[in-house]
Amino acid sequence: MEIRSDSMNQQCVMKLKTATKEKIKKFNSMRAREVQPGEFWDAVVVTAVDESQRDAYELQIREKVERKELPLGLHYKVFSDPPGSKIGNGGSTLYALQQLDAIYGKTLGSLRVLLIHAGGLSQRLPSASALGKIFTAVPLGDPLYQMLELKLALYVDFPSQMKPGVLVTCADDIELYSTGDEASVRFDKPGFTALAHPSSLSIGTTHGVFVLESNEKPANSEMENVSCLRFLHKPSLEKMRNSGAVRKRHSGCFSLSDAEFVYTDSTYYVDFDTAKSLLNLLKELGPLDCEVDAYGDFLQALGPGATIDYTSNAANVTKEESSLVEIRQKIFHLLKGTPLNVVLLNNSKFYHIGTTSEYLFHLAEDVALKSELGLLSSAFSVNTNEDSGCCVMYSVLDPGCSVGAGSVVEFSRLGAGASVGGGSIVSSCWVSAGLSVPEGVFMHSLCVNHKQQTRFVTVVFGINDNLKRGVEAPAYMEDLKLFGFSLAECLSHWGLKNEALRFSGDASGCSLWSACLFPVCRDQQSSFSLSLEMLQAARSGSTLTLPKDTPLMSMQESLKCKNLEEMLKFRKGLYEDITQRKLNNQS
């Protein structure tokens, strides 16, 4: 029996790899050409948290279109959330629909729209903060993929199997799936249609879980269409069991070996009529002043088993607003009775890459994902250091460089003999010859506008540092840990007094994100070198005296005054250099 299940498992993996390869091949054939009506999306919409992020996204998409890295002949739109309160991805969905309606009017009823939620500060993966999660590099393709291309490639079969409506997804996850011979995922039913993946019970507690009708026979096929009784948002184990969400594993093509499992959520489709009723909801609600979740608040209202109880549960909300319960109740009453169809993707994998540790693991170490997706260890780079268990993307490494196992180097230049220790991220940096980055650190350079001049800041953190964790006042900075040391201890090694440390933003929270620790320098190389010296002093217990009157910035502040054009100019220089060197090698 074991041998059979093992060979079946290998069969499933082969099917998954083949299906993924075909999608990527199909998407690559569309890059740089005008797509035909019905062949691809009519519009691809990316959401941004504010106008500055929207500008950054628009600029990058425009450059991609000019370099012919995307399919052409469709509309790429970026919509920012309105200023004011955080409105969550549910609020962003409603505002995006409103803006689509304003642009297209009646024509919207005939369009197939992909809506990618990419707004946010990306505090858990700060290398994506300045330019956006959806523009995170992926070691695949030529020209190199970013998450935007990967999303478009993995969903390449959807538009032709879809009635007019909107497919809603997030920027920081990857879904791989195979559907079996001749079968395809169809989005042609009224209401919502969600993709569901077999997952362990522990994964279920941090995701949305589908409760299916209990009389469904065991699944033997790679894909099945079923209807769903109700949807649970981040439920406890007890709740999953009591609601009948837990399934027993059986034979068949299955991507999971657990004896018990649940079906968890990822991407969902809303048909045009339901999208219209969501639009009316926004008119009724008026300007939103609280976070609405596109999964928890919309999907929990669906299916015949939905109850209103969840509307008063604030367990998963970052900031509870008094209006939240009332808004949830309105959503519940508006959507109640709307069908929730589910496509069970029994041979599928769901990967999340929203944190530094997930990013490092999936890009540099994860053998399964590497083989399923065909990820490279060196992609679009000049690199003599290939196959050392690391990942190098869009970078120029001079001779004699070494990058440790489990590290990621992206959009960077490393001078001769420079080295990076294991398990580190070096992003958008210019590392001078001979410098040595220790293991387990995150280093990322940003270009900033400081007093009307172009300057550079390199932020440095430990890979597992919690940038979001705040203390009430600077007096409690002992509780903030940087590279495993208390923040106060680090300051003492840099000749800085505790009371001299400034925190940017409002005074309510002091965190590593808002601590003004990083020197503002004239050029990218000296910025990197100085921040590296600070890291080395803190780690070795020695003392470093910063040059007198050196301005210091936080990650938060660097983003507020980032100079996007200059950051993209650095990438453009890398692009030209790598392309030229590749040509020279061929001739």
Protein backbone atom coordinates (compact mmCIF):
# COMPACT_ATOMS: atom_id res chain seq x y z
CA MET A 1 0.00 0.00 0.00
CA GLU A 2 2.85 2.36 0.94
CA ILE A 3 4.58 1.73 -2.40
CA ARG A 4 1.36 2.44 -4.28
CA SER A 5 0.73 5.69 -2.44
CA ASP A 6 4.35 6.72 -2.95
CA SER A 7 4.20 6.07 -6.68
CA MET A 8 0.82 7.86 -6.80
CA ASN A 9 2.37 10.79 -5.01
CA GLN A 10 5.18 10.93 -7.58
CA GLN A 11 2.54 10.77 -10.30
CA CYS A 12 0.71 13.74 -8.75
CA VAL A 13 3.94 15.75 -8.58
CA MET A 14 4.71 14.95 -12.23
CA LYS A 15 1.21 16.10 -13.26
CA LEU A 16 1.62 19.31 -11.24
CA LYS A 17 5.01 20.04 -12.82
CA THR A 18 3.76 19.34 -16.35
CA ALA A 19 0.65 21.51 -15.90
CA THR A 20 2.73 24.39 -14.47
CA LYS A 21 5.28 24.13 -17.27
CA GLU A 22 2.49 24.32 -19.86
CA LYS A 23 0.99 27.44 -18.26
CA ILE A 24 4.37 29.19 -18.20
CA LYS A 25 5.03 28.23 -21.80
CA LYS A 26 1.62 29.56 -22.84
CA PHE A 27 2.17 32.84 -20.97
CA ASN A 28 5.68 33.26 -22.43
CA SER A 29 4.16 32.99 -25.91
CA MET A 30 1.88 35.95 -25.06
CA ARG A 31 4.60 38.26 -23.71
CA ALA A 32 5.36 41.14 -26.07
CA ARG A 33 2.41 40.43 -28.40
CA GLU A 34 -1.09 41.81 -28.79
CA VAL A 35 -3.54 39.31 -27.29
CA GLN A 36 -6.75 38.45 -29.12
CA PRO A 37 -10.21 39.24 -27.63
CA GLY A 38 -11.26 36.43 -25.24
CA GLU A 39 -7.74 34.98 -25.16
CA PHE A 40 -6.57 36.83 -22.05
CA TRP A 41 -7.83 39.33 -19.45
CA ASP A 42 -9.55 42.50 -20.69
CA ALA A 43 -8.17 44.40 -17.70
CA VAL A 44 -5.61 43.65 -14.99
CA VAL A 45 -6.09 45.84 -11.91
CA VAL A 46 -3.50 46.21 -9.15
CA THR A 47 -4.48 47.93 -5.89
CA ALA A 48 -2.16 50.28 -3.99
CA VAL A 49 -2.38 51.59 -0.44
CA ASP A 50 -1.97 55.29 -1.37
CA GLU A 51 -1.17 57.63 -4.25
CA SER A 52 2.59 57.40 -3.81
CA GLN A 53 2.43 53.60 -4.06
CA ARG A 54 0.10 53.92 -7.05
CA ASP A 55 2.65 56.15 -8.81
CA ALA A 56 5.38 53.58 -8.12
CA TYR A 57 3.25 50.74 -9.52
CA GLU A 58 2.19 52.68 -12.60
CA LEU A 59 5.77 53.62 -13.37
CA GLN A 60 6.95 50.00 -13.15
CA ILE A 61 4.05 48.62 -15.22
CA ARG A 62 4.66 51.28 -17.88
CA GLU A 63 8.34 50.25 -18.06
CA LYS A 64 7.36 46.57 -18.32
CA VAL A 65 4.99 47.34 -21.20
CA GLU A 66 7.65 49.45 -22.95
CA ARG A 67 10.22 46.63 -22.57
CA LYS A 68 7.55 44.21 -23.87
CA GLU A 69 7.69 41.98 -20.80
CA LEU A 70 3.89 41.68 -20.55
CA PRO A 71 1.09 40.69 -22.95
CA LEU A 72 -0.06 43.80 -24.86
CA GLY A 73 -3.47 45.02 -26.06
CA LEU A 74 -5.24 44.98 -22.68
CA HIS A 75 -5.67 47.57 -19.95
CA TYR A 76 -3.35 47.58 -16.94
CA LYS A 77 -4.80 49.78 -14.17
CA VAL A 78 -3.56 50.75 -10.72
CA PHE A 79 -6.12 52.02 -8.19
CA SER A 80 -5.17 53.48 -4.82
CA ASP A 81 -7.27 53.34 -1.67
CA PRO A 82 -8.83 56.69 -0.72
CA PRO A 83 -6.86 58.72 1.88
CA GLY A 84 -7.82 58.28 5.53
CA SER A 85 -8.60 55.07 7.40
CA LYS A 86 -7.17 51.67 6.44
CA ILE A 87 -9.98 49.89 4.57
CA GLY A 88 -8.53 46.38 4.11
CA ASN A 89 -8.59 44.31 0.91
CA GLY A 90 -12.39 44.12 1.06
CA GLY A 91 -12.60 47.92 1.04
CA SER A 92 -10.05 47.99 -1.81
CA THR A 93 -12.22 45.54 -3.76
CA LEU A 94 -15.27 47.79 -3.41
CA TYR A 95 -13.35 50.94 -4.41
CA ALA A 96 -11.72 49.15 -7.36
CA LEU A 97 -15.19 48.12 -8.61
CA GLN A 98 -16.34 51.72 -8.23
CA GLN A 99 -13.40 53.01 -10.28
CA LEU A 100 -13.89 50.31 -12.96
CA ASP A 101 -17.54 51.32 -13.17
CA ALA A 102 -16.54 54.99 -13.59
CA ILE A 103 -14.09 54.13 -16.41
CA TYR A 104 -16.06 51.50 -18.33
CA GLY A 105 -19.72 52.12 -17.48
CA LYS A 106 -22.00 49.61 -19.24
CA THR A 107 -19.04 47.96 -21.03
CA LEU A 108 -17.90 46.59 -17.65
CA GLY A 109 -20.65 43.97 -17.96
CA SER A 110 -18.74 42.28 -20.78
CA LEU A 111 -15.21 42.37 -19.29
CA ARG A 112 -13.06 39.74 -17.61
CA VAL A 113 -11.05 41.47 -14.91
CA LEU A 114 -8.16 40.22 -12.76
CA LEU A 115 -7.95 42.16 -9.48
CA ILE A 116 -4.66 41.76 -7.57
CA HIS A 117 -4.47 43.15 -4.04
CA ALA A 118 -0.99 44.61 -3.65
CA GLY A 119 -1.52 47.54 -1.28
CA GLY A 120 0.38 47.60 2.01
CA LEU A 121 3.70 48.46 3.60
CA SER A 122 5.14 44.95 3.44
CA GLN A 123 6.68 45.28 6.90
CA ARG A 124 7.40 41.56 7.08
CA LEU A 125 9.32 41.60 3.76
CA PRO A 126 10.80 45.13 3.64
CA SER A 127 12.69 44.54 0.37
CA ALA A 128 9.21 44.77 -1.23
CA SER A 129 8.19 47.94 0.64
CA ALA A 130 9.50 50.61 -1.73
CA LEU A 131 8.59 49.05 -5.07
CA GLY A 132 5.76 46.71 -3.99
CA LYS A 133 5.06 43.02 -3.30
CA ILE A 134 3.69 42.49 -6.79
CA PHE A 135 7.13 43.47 -8.16
CA THR A 136 9.04 40.96 -6.04
CA ALA A 137 11.50 39.11 -8.29
CA VAL A 138 11.05 35.38 -9.00
CA PRO A 139 14.03 33.36 -10.34
CA LEU A 140 12.30 32.31 -13.53
CA GLY A 141 11.91 33.42 -17.15
CA ASP A 142 13.81 35.68 -19.50
CA PRO A 143 13.12 38.60 -19.12
CA LEU A 144 13.01 37.83 -15.40
CA TYR A 145 9.60 37.26 -13.83
CA GLN A 146 8.26 39.28 -10.96
CA MET A 147 5.18 38.21 -8.96
CA LEU A 148 2.99 40.06 -11.50
CA GLU A 149 4.17 37.85 -14.39
CA LEU A 150 3.94 34.73 -12.23
CA LYS A 151 0.32 35.49 -11.30
CA LEU A 152 -0.54 36.12 -14.96
CA ALA A 153 1.19 32.88 -15.99
CA LEU A 154 -0.48 30.67 -13.36
CA TYR A 155 -3.94 32.06 -14.22
CA VAL A 156 -3.34 32.04 -17.98
CA ASP A 157 -6.09 29.44 -18.62
CA PHE A 158 -8.79 31.24 -16.62
CA PRO A 159 -10.00 34.12 -18.86
CA SER A 160 -11.13 31.88 -21.72
CA GLN A 161 -13.16 29.74 -19.26
CA MET A 162 -14.78 32.65 -17.49
CA LYS A 163 -17.99 34.63 -17.87
CA PRO A 164 -17.67 38.41 -17.40
CA GLY A 165 -16.78 39.23 -13.81
CA VAL A 166 -13.81 39.72 -11.49
CA LEU A 167 -11.19 37.28 -10.21
CA VAL A 168 -9.84 38.46 -6.82
CA THR A 169 -6.35 37.43 -5.65
CA CYS A 170 -3.42 38.60 -3.48
CA ALA A 171 0.10 39.61 -4.53
CA ASP A 172 2.13 37.40 -2.20
CA ASP A 173 0.96 33.85 -2.80
CA ILE A 174 1.55 31.18 -5.44
CA GLU A 175 -1.04 28.53 -6.35
CA LEU A 176 0.07 25.57 -8.45
CA TYR A 177 -2.50 23.03 -9.62
CA SER A 178 -3.28 20.43 -12.23
CA THR A 179 -6.84 19.58 -13.28
CA GLY A 180 -6.40 16.30 -15.16
CA ASP A 181 -6.78 15.55 -18.83
CA GLU A 182 -9.16 17.76 -20.77
CA ALA A 183 -10.64 19.29 -17.60
CA SER A 184 -10.34 23.00 -16.88
CA VAL A 185 -11.31 25.39 -14.10
CA ARG A 186 -14.48 27.19 -15.18
CA PHE A 187 -15.88 30.38 -13.71
CA ASP A 188 -19.33 30.41 -15.26
CA LYS A 189 -21.79 30.09 -12.37
CA PRO A 190 -23.73 32.90 -10.67
CA GLY A 191 -22.45 34.21 -7.32
CA PHE A 192 -18.96 33.47 -6.02
CA THR A 193 -16.69 30.63 -7.17
CA ALA A 194 -13.64 29.94 -5.00
CA LEU A 195 -10.58 27.77 -5.51
CA ALA A 196 -9.97 25.31 -2.65
CA HIS A 197 -6.76 23.49 -1.73
CA PRO A 198 -6.31 20.45 0.54
CA SER A 199 -4.39 21.69 3.60
CA SER A 200 -3.32 20.43 7.01
CA LEU A 201 -5.55 21.30 9.97
CA SER A 202 -2.89 23.69 11.34
CA ILE A 203 -2.86 25.65 8.04
CA GLY A 204 -6.66 25.79 8.30
CA THR A 205 -6.45 27.78 11.55
CA THR A 206 -4.71 30.67 9.73
CA HIS A 207 -6.75 30.62 6.51
CA GLY A 208 -10.34 30.45 5.33
CA VAL A 209 -11.90 26.96 5.42
CA PHE A 210 -14.79 25.62 3.32
CA VAL A 211 -17.54 23.46 4.85
CA LEU A 212 -18.82 21.24 2.03
CA GLU A 213 -22.08 19.31 1.88
CA SER A 214 -21.47 16.13 3.86
CA ASN A 215 -23.06 13.71 1.39
CA GLU A 216 -20.31 14.42 -1.14
CA LYS A 217 -18.55 11.20 -2.11
CA PRO A 218 -14.75 10.99 -1.58
CA ALA A 219 -12.75 12.84 -4.21
CA ASN A 220 -10.75 10.73 -6.60
CA SER A 221 -10.23 13.22 -9.37
CA GLU A 222 -7.77 16.10 -9.52
CA MET A 223 -10.55 18.65 -9.75
CA GLU A 224 -14.22 18.73 -8.72
CA ASN A 225 -16.94 21.37 -8.69
CA VAL A 226 -19.04 21.34 -5.51
CA SER A 227 -21.30 23.72 -3.64
CA CYS A 228 -20.36 24.98 -0.21
CA LEU A 229 -22.54 25.17 2.90
CA ARG A 230 -20.53 27.86 4.65
CA PHE A 231 -17.11 29.46 4.98
CA LEU A 232 -15.09 29.73 8.21
CA HIS A 233 -12.43 32.45 8.63
CA LYS A 234 -9.30 31.39 10.59
CA PRO A 235 -11.30 28.85 12.65
CA SER A 236 -10.08 26.93 15.71
CA LEU A 237 -9.55 23.14 15.45
CA GLU A 238 -12.69 22.64 17.53
CA LYS A 239 -14.76 24.84 15.21
CA MET A 240 -13.49 22.99 12.11
CA ARG A 241 -14.45 19.64 13.64
CA ASN A 242 -17.84 20.79 14.94
CA SER A 243 -18.79 22.33 11.59
CA GLY A 244 -17.93 19.23 9.61
CA ALA A 245 -15.08 20.90 7.71
CA VAL A 246 -12.53 18.15 8.48
CA ARG A 247 -12.23 15.49 5.76
CA LYS A 248 -10.61 12.04 5.83
CA ARG A 249 -7.87 11.37 3.33
CA HIS A 250 -8.54 8.74 0.68
CA SER A 251 -6.78 7.40 -2.35
CA GLY A 252 -6.59 9.41 -5.56
CA CYS A 253 -4.34 12.14 -6.81
CA PHE A 254 -3.65 14.18 -3.74
CA SER A 255 -1.03 16.73 -2.86
CA LEU A 256 -1.22 16.04 0.90
CA SER A 257 -0.23 13.04 3.01
CA ASP A 258 -2.12 13.96 6.23
CA ALA A 259 -4.82 11.48 7.30
CA GLU A 260 -7.20 14.39 7.98
CA PHE A 261 -7.36 17.67 6.10
CA VAL A 262 -9.48 20.71 5.31
CA TYR A 263 -10.04 22.66 2.09
CA THR A 264 -8.60 26.19 2.38
CA ASP A 265 -9.14 29.32 0.28
CA SER A 266 -6.96 31.33 -2.09
CA THR A 267 -8.46 33.08 -5.12
CA TYR A 268 -12.14 33.61 -5.95
CA TYR A 269 -14.34 34.79 -8.81
CA VAL A 270 -17.38 37.06 -8.58
CA ASP A 271 -19.80 37.06 -11.52
CA PHE A 272 -20.79 40.44 -12.94
CA ASP A 273 -24.28 40.62 -11.37
CA THR A 274 -22.87 39.95 -7.89
CA ALA A 275 -20.10 42.52 -8.51
CA LYS A 276 -22.87 45.03 -9.32
CA SER A 277 -24.58 44.37 -6.01
CA LEU A 278 -21.23 44.90 -4.22
CA LEU A 279 -21.02 48.25 -5.99
CA ASN A 280 -24.44 49.21 -4.60
CA LEU A 281 -23.21 48.20 -1.17
CA LEU A 282 -20.48 50.87 -1.31
CA LYS A 283 -23.09 53.49 -2.24
CA GLU A 284 -25.13 52.44 0.77
CA LEU A 285 -22.16 52.34 3.18
CA GLY A 286 -20.68 55.69 2.16
CA PRO A 287 -16.96 56.32 2.82
CA LEU A 288 -15.46 53.39 4.74
CA ASP A 289 -13.71 54.09 8.03
CA CYS A 290 -12.69 50.55 8.99
CA GLU A 291 -10.95 47.47 7.58
CA VAL A 292 -13.14 45.15 5.54
CA ASP A 293 -11.73 41.71 4.66
CA ALA A 294 -12.35 40.47 1.10
CA TYR A 295 -12.27 36.90 2.44
CA GLY A 296 -13.59 36.94 6.01
CA ASP A 297 -16.27 39.60 5.54
CA PHE A 298 -17.53 38.63 2.06
CA LEU A 299 -17.23 34.83 2.00
CA GLN A 300 -18.59 34.24 5.53
CA ALA A 301 -21.92 35.71 4.36
CA LEU A 302 -22.29 33.08 1.60
CA GLY A 303 -23.81 29.62 1.36
CA PRO A 304 -27.00 28.19 2.93
CA GLY A 305 -25.28 27.53 6.28
CA ALA A 306 -24.01 31.10 6.83
CA THR A 307 -24.98 32.75 10.13
CA ILE A 308 -24.65 36.35 11.29
CA ASP A 309 -22.52 35.45 14.39
CA TYR A 310 -19.18 36.31 12.76
CA THR A 311 -20.15 39.97 12.32
CA SER A 312 -19.42 40.70 15.99
CA ASN A 313 -16.18 38.67 16.24
CA ALA A 314 -13.21 41.06 16.19
CA ALA A 315 -10.50 38.41 16.85
CA ASN A 316 -8.77 38.81 13.47
CA VAL A 317 -9.03 42.60 13.13
CA THR A 318 -5.90 44.74 13.59
CA LYS A 319 -7.88 47.78 14.77
CA GLU A 320 -11.46 47.51 15.89
CA GLU A 321 -13.67 50.38 14.78
CA SER A 322 -17.17 50.93 16.15
CA SER A 323 -18.63 50.88 12.64
CA LEU A 324 -17.20 47.44 11.77
CA VAL A 325 -20.06 45.35 13.18
CA GLU A 326 -22.67 47.49 11.44
CA ILE A 327 -20.81 47.31 8.09
CA ARG A 328 -20.38 43.53 8.39
CA GLN A 329 -24.09 43.15 9.11
CA LYS A 330 -24.96 45.15 6.00
CA ILE A 331 -22.60 42.97 3.92
CA PHE A 332 -24.16 39.85 5.44
CA HIS A 333 -27.71 40.92 4.61
CA LEU A 334 -26.76 42.01 1.11
CA LEU A 335 -24.92 38.78 0.23
CA LYS A 336 -27.03 36.28 2.22
CA GLY A 337 -28.34 33.57 -0.07
CA THR A 338 -25.66 34.19 -2.72
CA PRO A 339 -24.25 30.83 -3.84
CA LEU A 340 -20.69 29.86 -2.99
CA ASN A 341 -19.39 27.40 -5.57
CA VAL A 342 -16.07 25.73 -4.86
CA VAL A 343 -13.55 24.21 -7.25
CA LEU A 344 -11.68 21.51 -5.31
CA LEU A 345 -8.13 21.42 -6.64
CA ASN A 346 -7.07 18.10 -5.13
CA ASN A 347 -3.69 18.17 -6.81
CA SER A 348 -2.60 21.66 -5.86
CA LYS A 349 -0.09 23.52 -3.73
CA PHE A 350 -0.44 26.91 -2.05
CA TYR A 351 2.69 28.87 -1.14
CA HIS A 352 2.83 32.16 0.77
CA ILE A 353 5.90 34.40 0.40
CA GLY A 354 5.00 37.42 2.49
CA THR A 355 7.81 37.30 5.10
CA THR A 356 11.62 37.32 4.97
CA SER A 357 11.86 33.74 6.24
CA GLU A 358 9.23 32.45 3.75
CA TYR A 359 10.97 34.33 0.94
CA LEU A 360 14.37 32.83 1.80
CA PHE A 361 13.00 29.32 2.25
CA HIS A 362 10.91 29.20 -0.93
CA LEU A 363 13.46 30.85 -3.22
CA ALA A 364 16.70 29.35 -1.93
CA GLU A 365 15.91 26.10 -0.10
CA ASP A 366 12.50 24.68 -0.99
CA VAL A 367 13.29 21.71 -3.22
CA ALA A 368 9.60 20.99 -3.91
CA LEU A 369 8.74 24.47 -5.20
CA LYS A 370 12.01 24.67 -7.14
CA SER A 371 11.16 21.51 -9.05
CA GLU A 372 7.43 22.24 -9.47
CA LEU A 373 7.99 25.74 -10.82
CA GLY A 374 11.40 25.28 -12.43
CA LEU A 375 13.06 27.97 -10.29
CA LEU A 376 16.72 28.77 -11.04
CA SER A 377 19.51 29.38 -8.55
CA SER A 378 20.88 32.15 -10.77
CA ALA A 379 18.45 34.12 -12.93
CA PHE A 380 19.29 37.06 -15.24
CA SER A 381 22.63 37.64 -13.49
CA VAL A 382 26.36 37.78 -14.07
CA ASN A 383 27.44 35.23 -11.50
CA THR A 384 30.33 32.77 -11.26
CA ASN A 385 28.98 31.38 -8.00
CA GLU A 386 26.14 29.19 -9.29
CA ASP A 387 24.65 26.16 -7.51
CA SER A 388 25.70 26.86 -3.95
CA GLY A 389 22.14 26.50 -2.65
CA CYS A 390 21.48 30.24 -2.88
CA CYS A 391 19.41 32.39 -5.22
CA VAL A 392 20.86 35.28 -7.24
CA MET A 393 18.53 37.42 -9.39
CA TYR A 394 19.07 40.48 -11.58
CA SER A 395 22.53 41.07 -10.11
CA VAL A 396 26.14 41.54 -11.19
CA LEU A 397 28.69 39.62 -9.09
CA ASP A 398 32.32 40.35 -9.88
CA PRO A 399 34.89 37.51 -9.82
CA GLY A 400 35.69 35.92 -6.48
CA CYS A 401 32.32 36.67 -4.86
CA SER A 402 30.63 34.04 -2.73
CA VAL A 403 27.01 33.77 -1.58
CA GLY A 404 26.19 31.37 1.26
CA ALA A 405 23.56 28.63 1.11
CA GLY A 406 20.00 29.76 1.76
CA SER A 407 20.68 33.42 0.84
CA VAL A 408 18.97 35.62 -1.73
CA VAL A 409 20.78 38.41 -3.61
CA GLU A 410 18.57 40.56 -5.86
CA PHE A 411 18.96 43.78 -7.88
CA SER A 412 22.49 44.24 -6.50
CA ARG A 413 26.14 44.75 -7.49
CA LEU A 414 28.85 42.88 -5.56
CA GLY A 415 32.46 44.00 -6.04
CA ALA A 416 35.33 41.52 -6.47
CA GLY A 417 35.77 39.18 -3.51
CA ALA A 418 32.65 40.36 -1.65
CA SER A 419 30.82 37.65 0.31
CA VAL A 420 27.36 37.07 1.75
CA GLY A 421 26.87 34.62 4.64
CA GLY A 422 24.13 31.97 4.70
CA GLY A 423 20.44 32.77 5.18
CA SER A 424 20.71 36.49 4.36
CA ILE A 425 18.89 38.85 1.98
CA VAL A 426 20.85 41.51 0.08
CA SER A 427 18.46 43.64 -1.97
CA SER A 428 19.10 46.72 -4.17
CA CYS A 429 22.61 47.12 -2.71
CA TRP A 430 25.99 48.12 -4.11
CA VAL A 431 28.55 46.13 -2.13
CA SER A 432 32.15 47.33 -2.44
CA ALA A 433 34.95 44.86 -3.22
CA GLY A 434 36.04 42.61 -0.37
CA LEU A 435 33.16 43.42 2.02
CA SER A 436 31.62 40.57 3.94
CA VAL A 437 27.92 40.41 4.90
CA PRO A 438 27.33 38.09 7.89
CA GLU A 439 24.75 35.30 7.96
CA GLY A 440 21.12 35.79 8.95
CA VAL A 441 20.77 39.46 8.10
CA PHE A 442 18.60 41.58 5.84
CA MET A 443 20.24 44.52 4.01
CA HIS A 444 18.35 46.77 1.62
CA SER A 445 19.35 50.13 0.12
CA LEU A 446 16.86 52.87 -0.73
CA CYS A 447 17.40 56.10 -2.61
CA VAL A 448 15.81 59.04 -0.79
CA ASN A 449 15.24 62.76 -1.29
CA HIS A 450 16.83 64.51 1.69
CA LYS A 451 16.85 68.33 1.86
CA GLN A 452 16.33 68.56 -1.92
CA GLN A 453 19.26 66.24 -2.60
CA THR A 454 19.54 62.64 -3.77
CA ARG A 455 20.86 60.49 -0.92
CA PHE A 456 21.00 56.80 0.06
CA VAL A 457 19.97 54.84 3.14
CA THR A 458 20.75 51.15 3.75
CA VAL A 459 18.54 49.50 6.36
CA VAL A 460 19.86 46.44 8.17
CA PHE A 461 17.91 44.03 10.39
CA GLY A 462 18.17 40.45 11.59
CA ILE A 463 16.14 38.07 9.38
CA ASN A 464 13.83 37.23 12.29
CA ASP A 465 13.56 40.74 13.79
CA ASN A 466 9.96 41.85 14.31
CA LEU A 467 9.70 45.26 12.66
CA LYS A 468 6.03 45.70 13.54
CA ARG A 469 6.30 45.13 17.29
CA GLY A 470 5.93 48.45 19.07
CA VAL A 471 6.51 49.73 22.60
CA GLU A 472 4.58 52.63 24.11
CA ALA A 473 7.52 55.01 24.56
CA PRO A 474 11.27 55.26 23.91
CA ALA A 475 11.83 54.50 27.62
CA TYR A 476 10.87 50.87 26.88
CA MET A 477 13.30 50.41 23.98
CA GLU A 478 15.05 47.62 25.94
CA ASP A 479 12.13 45.44 24.79
CA LEU A 480 12.88 46.00 21.08
CA LYS A 481 15.37 43.44 19.74
CA LEU A 482 17.70 44.19 16.81
CA PHE A 483 20.02 41.35 15.60
CA GLY A 484 19.08 39.57 18.86
CA PHE A 485 20.35 42.45 21.08
CA SER A 486 18.28 45.08 22.85
CA LEU A 487 18.01 48.30 20.87
CA ALA A 488 19.60 50.22 23.77
CA GLU A 489 22.63 47.91 23.66
CA CYS A 490 23.06 48.51 19.90
CA LEU A 491 22.89 52.29 20.43
CA SER A 492 25.69 52.10 23.00
CA HIS A 493 27.97 50.47 20.38
CA TRP A 494 27.21 53.31 17.95
CA GLY A 495 28.01 56.09 20.41
CA LEU A 496 24.35 57.17 20.49
CA LYS A 497 22.51 58.07 23.68
CA ASN A 498 19.08 56.49 24.25
CA GLU A 499 17.40 59.88 24.61
CA ALA A 500 18.89 61.03 21.30
CA LEU A 501 17.09 58.30 19.34
CA ARG A 502 14.24 59.66 17.28
CA PHE A 503 11.18 57.61 16.21
CA SER A 504 9.42 58.73 13.04
CA GLY A 505 5.66 58.90 12.49
CA ASP A 506 3.17 59.49 15.29
CA ALA A 507 4.31 59.14 18.87
CA SER A 508 1.90 56.31 19.66
CA GLY A 509 4.21 53.46 18.66
CA CYS A 510 7.99 53.03 18.81
CA SER A 511 9.18 50.08 16.72
CA LEU A 512 12.20 48.99 14.65
CA TRP A 513 10.16 50.15 11.63
CA SER A 514 10.06 53.74 12.96
CA ALA A 515 13.46 53.87 14.75
CA CYS A 516 15.76 56.42 13.03
CA LEU A 517 18.92 54.31 13.08
CA PHE A 518 20.28 54.35 9.54
CA PRO A 519 22.79 56.90 8.19
CA VAL A 520 21.86 59.07 5.20
CA CYS A 521 24.85 59.00 2.80
CA ARG A 522 25.93 60.64 -0.46
CA ASP A 523 26.20 57.45 -2.50
CA GLN A 524 24.93 53.89 -2.51
CA GLN A 525 28.27 52.20 -1.78
CA SER A 526 29.20 54.28 1.28
CA SER A 527 25.63 53.92 2.57
CA PHE A 528 25.99 50.14 2.45
CA SER A 529 29.48 50.15 3.98
CA LEU A 530 28.49 52.37 6.92
CA SER A 531 25.36 50.33 7.79
CA LEU A 532 27.46 47.15 7.56
CA GLU A 533 30.01 48.65 9.97
CA MET A 534 27.18 49.42 12.41
CA LEU A 535 25.98 45.81 12.19
CA GLN A 536 29.52 44.48 12.76
CA ALA A 537 30.07 46.79 15.77
CA ALA A 538 26.81 45.64 17.39
CA ARG A 539 27.62 41.99 16.77
CA SER A 540 31.24 42.10 17.93
CA GLY A 541 30.60 44.41 20.89
CA SER A 542 33.04 47.04 19.59
CA THR A 543 32.32 50.76 19.26
CA LEU A 544 31.77 52.73 16.06
CA THR A 545 31.59 56.50 16.04
CA LEU A 546 29.44 57.83 13.22
CA PRO A 547 30.73 60.94 11.39
CA LYS A 548 29.56 64.08 13.21
CA ASP A 549 26.08 65.39 12.28
CA THR A 550 25.23 62.28 10.20
CA PRO A 551 21.45 62.41 9.63
CA LEU A 552 19.66 59.16 10.59
CA MET A 553 16.44 57.82 9.09
CA SER A 554 14.02 54.98 9.81
CA MET A 555 12.68 52.50 7.28
CA GLN A 556 9.32 54.27 7.61
CA GLU A 557 10.82 57.68 6.85
CA SER A 558 12.96 56.35 3.96
CA LEU A 559 9.77 55.13 2.27
CA LYS A 560 8.06 58.49 2.75
CA CYS A 561 10.85 60.30 0.87
CA LYS A 562 11.93 57.53 -1.49
CA ASN A 563 13.26 58.52 -4.89
CA LEU A 564 11.69 55.95 -7.19
CA GLU A 565 13.12 57.19 -10.47
CA GLU A 566 16.65 56.89 -9.10
CA MET A 567 15.99 53.38 -7.71
CA LEU A 568 14.64 52.25 -11.07
CA LYS A 569 17.60 53.93 -12.82
CA PHE A 570 19.95 51.69 -10.78
CA ARG A 571 17.96 48.64 -11.92
CA LYS A 572 18.07 49.87 -15.51
CA GLY A 573 21.86 50.12 -15.26
CA LEU A 574 21.98 46.51 -14.04
CA TYR A 575 19.66 45.45 -16.88
CA GLU A 576 21.90 47.04 -19.51
CA ASP A 577 25.08 45.70 -17.93
CA ILE A 578 23.76 42.11 -17.67
CA THR A 579 22.33 42.18 -21.21
CA GLN A 580 25.62 43.53 -22.61
CA ARG A 581 27.76 40.97 -20.75
CA LYS A 582 25.50 38.16 -21.95
CA LEU A 583 25.90 39.36 -25.55
CA ASN A 584 29.68 39.54 -25.12
CA ASN A 585 29.74 35.97 -23.80
CA GLN A 586 27.76 34.73 -26.79
CA SER A 587 29.97 36.43 -29.40
